[in-house]
Amino acid sequence: MRLPAIGFAIVFCVAAAAAGLAAPLGAVQYAIKDDDGDPIANFDLGADMSARLARLPGQVAVGNPQGDVTLLQFYDLNCPYCREAAADVDALVRADNKLKLVFVPYAVLSMQSVQGGLVEIAAAKMLTPQKYLEFHRRVYAGRGLIDGARVLAAAQDVGLDQQKLAGAANAESTLAILKENANFGSAARLNVTPAYVIGGVAILGHPGLKPLQGLITSMRACGKVVC
């Protein structure tokens, strides 16, 4: 897969800026802890950013589309913590049939991440939510760098035509979506991958499976991340 040089420069520069615009890693607005019992950085997005997030086009919803709780994950395909988190996120959606899980490709680490993200966004338009979830699992299977070619191969495994998909991935409209994801992440101060949003609260880093389940339980009990 070849990515136009100008298009790549636009996306990667914006994504790099997103990585540099940091919310303080120690900022803890709510008493949310990770698997080790340590506080994990989190903060309210605020009404304006939450409204902007609701309009963000680069979202891929899986799980229950009418779920009573929505959890969004911003991730980079080559972030090692995102790869570790993938199994927990997959376990969440497998076990909870009331959860709406939303993937947001957030390519901030490398050219390969950008290429892979473009293919993911294009594939999302061609797959059902269940098929996309299968595709997402295949992308993370195995070891090593994840680039456009590897994501294309995973897409072929779920029945998509590689040539057609590569063409869609290189479209300016697909590039614009990935750029908008990066712009949002920068404005929202999502300076760590993975980052999550639930109930209007951004969580920086992966807290672990049980803490995520606890947040979902709290949202159901009182409409807040912490009751």
Protein backbone atom coordinates (compact mmCIF):
# COMPACT_ATOMS: atom_id res chain seq x y z
CA MET A 1 0.00 0.00 0.00
CA ARG A 2 1.41 3.39 -0.99
CA LEU A 3 0.38 6.51 0.88
CA PRO A 4 0.54 9.88 -0.91
CA ALA A 5 3.44 11.85 0.55
CA ILE A 6 1.50 15.09 0.98
CA GLY A 7 -1.43 13.32 2.61
CA PHE A 8 0.86 11.49 4.98
CA ALA A 9 2.63 14.70 5.97
CA ILE A 10 -0.66 16.38 6.86
CA VAL A 11 -1.86 13.52 9.03
CA PHE A 12 1.44 12.69 10.66
CA CYS A 13 2.24 16.31 11.57
CA VAL A 14 -1.15 16.75 13.17
CA ALA A 15 -0.82 13.40 14.95
CA ALA A 16 2.63 14.30 16.22
CA ALA A 17 1.21 17.54 17.60
CA ALA A 18 -1.49 15.55 19.35
CA ALA A 19 1.18 13.48 21.08
CA GLY A 20 2.96 16.62 22.28
CA LEU A 21 -0.02 18.55 23.65
CA ALA A 22 -0.26 17.01 27.05
CA ALA A 23 -2.73 16.97 29.85
CA PRO A 24 -0.67 16.44 33.02
CA LEU A 25 -0.26 12.71 33.48
CA GLY A 26 -0.90 13.10 37.19
CA ALA A 27 -4.24 14.88 36.78
CA VAL A 28 -6.84 12.75 38.56
CA GLN A 29 -10.32 14.22 38.71
CA TYR A 30 -12.17 11.08 39.80
CA ALA A 31 -11.12 8.22 42.06
CA ILE A 32 -10.36 5.79 39.25
CA LYS A 33 -7.62 3.23 39.86
CA ASP A 34 -5.84 0.71 37.68
CA ASP A 35 -5.37 -3.02 38.27
CA ASP A 36 -2.54 -2.31 40.69
CA GLY A 37 -4.65 0.05 42.78
CA ASP A 38 -2.82 3.15 41.56
CA PRO A 39 -4.72 6.29 40.49
CA ILE A 40 -4.98 6.70 36.73
CA ALA A 41 -5.14 10.10 35.04
CA ASN A 42 -8.65 11.20 34.11
CA PHE A 43 -10.65 14.37 33.57
CA ASP A 44 -13.99 15.65 32.32
CA LEU A 45 -13.99 16.42 28.61
CA GLY A 46 -16.51 19.19 29.09
CA ALA A 47 -19.67 19.93 27.14
CA ASP A 48 -18.00 21.41 24.06
CA MET A 49 -15.52 18.57 23.57
CA SER A 50 -18.17 15.94 24.30
CA ALA A 51 -20.39 17.47 21.62
CA ARG A 52 -17.46 17.49 19.21
CA LEU A 53 -16.73 13.85 20.02
CA ALA A 54 -20.33 12.91 19.25
CA ARG A 55 -19.85 14.34 15.74
CA LEU A 56 -16.45 12.73 15.12
CA PRO A 57 -16.72 10.69 11.90
CA GLY A 58 -13.86 8.27 12.56
CA GLN A 59 -15.73 6.12 15.08
CA VAL A 60 -16.28 2.41 14.56
CA ALA A 61 -19.04 1.03 16.78
CA VAL A 62 -19.14 -2.68 17.65
CA GLY A 63 -20.96 -4.66 20.28
CA ASN A 64 -24.54 -3.58 20.95
CA PRO A 65 -25.41 -0.50 18.84
CA GLN A 66 -28.23 0.29 21.29
CA GLY A 67 -26.09 -0.41 24.33
CA ASP A 68 -26.92 1.26 27.60
CA VAL A 69 -23.27 2.27 28.14
CA THR A 70 -20.82 3.51 25.50
CA LEU A 71 -17.07 3.08 25.91
CA LEU A 72 -14.72 4.65 23.36
CA GLN A 73 -11.11 3.58 22.90
CA PHE A 74 -8.56 5.81 21.14
CA TYR A 75 -5.64 3.62 20.10
CA ASP A 76 -2.56 3.41 17.93
CA LEU A 77 -1.95 0.06 16.26
CA ASN A 78 1.73 0.12 17.22
CA CYS A 79 1.30 1.24 20.81
CA PRO A 80 2.44 -1.73 22.97
CA TYR A 81 -0.03 -0.77 25.69
CA CYS A 82 -2.86 -0.77 23.14
CA ARG A 83 -1.84 -4.24 22.08
CA GLU A 84 -1.92 -5.41 25.70
CA ALA A 85 -5.28 -3.71 26.18
CA ALA A 86 -6.79 -5.35 23.08
CA ALA A 87 -7.43 -8.66 24.87
CA ASP A 88 -9.20 -6.90 27.75
CA VAL A 89 -11.32 -4.79 25.42
CA ASP A 90 -12.23 -7.89 23.44
CA ALA A 91 -13.18 -9.70 26.66
CA LEU A 92 -15.38 -6.75 27.63
CA VAL A 93 -17.44 -6.79 24.48
CA ARG A 94 -17.68 -10.60 24.44
CA ALA A 95 -19.00 -10.75 28.00
CA ASP A 96 -21.27 -7.69 28.04
CA ASN A 97 -24.10 -7.77 25.51
CA LYS A 98 -25.36 -4.37 26.66
CA LEU A 99 -22.11 -2.54 25.94
CA LYS A 100 -21.55 -0.32 22.93
CA LEU A 101 -17.82 -0.32 22.25
CA VAL A 102 -16.42 2.29 19.89
CA PHE A 103 -12.96 2.11 18.34
CA VAL A 104 -11.33 5.37 17.28
CA PRO A 105 -8.15 4.87 15.20
CA TYR A 106 -5.68 7.41 16.60
CA ALA A 107 -2.41 7.14 14.68
CA VAL A 108 0.20 9.12 16.60
CA LEU A 109 3.32 6.96 16.68
CA SER A 110 4.55 6.22 13.18
CA MET A 111 3.99 6.24 9.43
CA GLN A 112 3.04 2.56 9.68
CA SER A 113 0.35 3.40 12.23
CA VAL A 114 -1.07 6.01 9.88
CA GLN A 115 -1.13 3.57 6.98
CA GLY A 116 -2.81 0.91 9.08
CA GLY A 117 -5.31 3.42 10.43
CA LEU A 118 -6.31 4.46 6.93
CA VAL A 119 -7.01 0.84 5.99
CA GLU A 120 -9.03 0.33 9.18
CA ILE A 121 -11.22 3.35 8.48
CA ALA A 122 -11.83 2.24 4.91
CA ALA A 123 -12.61 -1.32 6.04
CA ALA A 124 -15.13 -0.07 8.58
CA LYS A 125 -17.30 1.22 5.74
CA MET A 126 -17.36 -2.23 4.13
CA LEU A 127 -17.91 -4.50 7.14
CA THR A 128 -20.72 -5.17 9.58
CA PRO A 129 -19.91 -4.40 13.23
CA GLN A 130 -19.43 -8.11 13.99
CA LYS A 131 -17.17 -8.60 10.98
CA TYR A 132 -15.21 -5.48 11.92
CA LEU A 133 -14.64 -6.89 15.38
CA GLU A 134 -13.30 -10.10 13.83
CA PHE A 135 -11.10 -8.02 11.53
CA HIS A 136 -9.80 -5.97 14.49
CA ARG A 137 -8.84 -9.17 16.31
CA ARG A 138 -6.97 -10.42 13.24
CA VAL A 139 -5.03 -7.16 12.94
CA TYR A 140 -3.66 -7.64 16.45
CA ALA A 141 -2.89 -11.35 15.99
CA GLY A 142 0.78 -12.16 15.76
CA ARG A 143 3.83 -10.11 16.58
CA GLY A 144 5.78 -7.30 15.01
CA LEU A 145 5.06 -3.98 13.36
CA ILE A 146 1.53 -3.35 12.14
CA ASP A 147 1.49 -1.45 8.85
CA GLY A 148 -0.85 -0.99 5.92
CA ALA A 149 0.08 -4.30 4.32
CA ARG A 150 -0.60 -6.24 7.50
CA VAL A 151 -3.99 -4.60 7.96
CA LEU A 152 -4.83 -5.27 4.31
CA ALA A 153 -3.97 -8.94 4.84
CA ALA A 154 -6.29 -9.10 7.86
CA ALA A 155 -9.03 -7.50 5.77
CA GLN A 156 -8.56 -10.09 3.03
CA ASP A 157 -8.96 -12.81 5.65
CA VAL A 158 -12.46 -11.51 6.42
CA GLY A 159 -13.43 -11.36 2.76
CA LEU A 160 -12.51 -7.86 1.58
CA ASP A 161 -10.83 -7.20 -1.76
CA GLN A 162 -7.34 -5.84 -1.11
CA GLN A 163 -7.13 -3.69 -4.23
CA LYS A 164 -10.52 -2.08 -3.65
CA LEU A 165 -9.74 -1.52 0.01
CA ALA A 166 -6.33 0.02 -0.73
CA GLY A 167 -7.98 2.44 -3.13
CA ALA A 168 -10.52 3.47 -0.49
CA ALA A 169 -7.77 3.79 2.13
CA ASN A 170 -5.86 6.23 -0.09
CA ALA A 171 -8.90 8.42 -0.74
CA GLU A 172 -8.73 12.01 0.47
CA SER A 173 -11.95 11.49 2.41
CA THR A 174 -10.35 8.67 4.41
CA LEU A 175 -7.29 10.78 5.04
CA ALA A 176 -9.53 13.60 6.29
CA ILE A 177 -11.16 11.28 8.83
CA LEU A 178 -7.82 10.18 10.28
CA LYS A 179 -6.70 13.79 10.40
CA GLU A 180 -9.88 14.77 12.23
CA ASN A 181 -9.31 12.00 14.78
CA ALA A 182 -5.84 13.41 15.41
CA ASN A 183 -7.16 16.96 15.66
CA PHE A 184 -9.74 15.89 18.20
CA GLY A 185 -7.18 13.98 20.26
CA SER A 186 -4.95 17.04 20.34
CA ALA A 187 -7.77 19.35 21.39
CA ALA A 188 -9.03 16.86 24.00
CA ARG A 189 -5.51 16.40 25.45
CA LEU A 190 -5.48 12.66 24.84
CA ASN A 191 -1.71 12.47 25.05
CA VAL A 192 -1.52 8.80 25.99
CA THR A 193 -2.56 5.69 24.10
CA PRO A 194 -4.76 3.94 24.71
CA ALA A 195 -7.17 6.56 25.99
CA TYR A 196 -10.80 5.93 26.83
CA VAL A 197 -13.91 8.07 27.07
CA ILE A 198 -16.90 6.98 29.11
CA GLY A 199 -19.65 9.17 30.50
CA GLY A 200 -17.90 12.28 29.24
CA VAL A 201 -14.71 11.42 31.17
CA ALA A 202 -11.35 10.86 29.47
CA ILE A 203 -9.08 8.20 30.97
CA LEU A 204 -5.43 8.26 29.96
CA GLY A 205 -3.89 4.82 29.78
CA HIS A 206 -5.27 1.32 30.19
CA PRO A 207 -6.62 0.70 33.69
CA GLY A 208 -7.20 -3.02 33.13
CA LEU A 209 -10.22 -5.24 32.59
CA LYS A 210 -11.72 -5.14 36.09
CA PRO A 211 -11.42 -1.35 36.44
CA LEU A 212 -13.12 -0.91 33.06
CA GLN A 213 -15.89 -3.25 34.16
CA GLY A 214 -16.21 -1.20 37.35
CA LEU A 215 -16.65 2.01 35.36
CA ILE A 216 -19.36 0.40 33.26
CA THR A 217 -21.11 -0.88 36.38
CA SER A 218 -21.02 2.61 37.90
CA MET A 219 -22.44 4.16 34.73
CA ARG A 220 -25.35 1.75 34.92
CA ALA A 221 -25.91 2.31 38.61
CA CYS A 222 -25.77 6.11 38.79
CA GLY A 223 -24.89 7.52 35.36
CA LYS A 224 -21.37 8.47 36.52
CA VAL A 225 -17.96 6.87 36.34
CA VAL A 226 -17.78 6.89 40.13
CA CYS A 227 -20.96 6.66 42.23
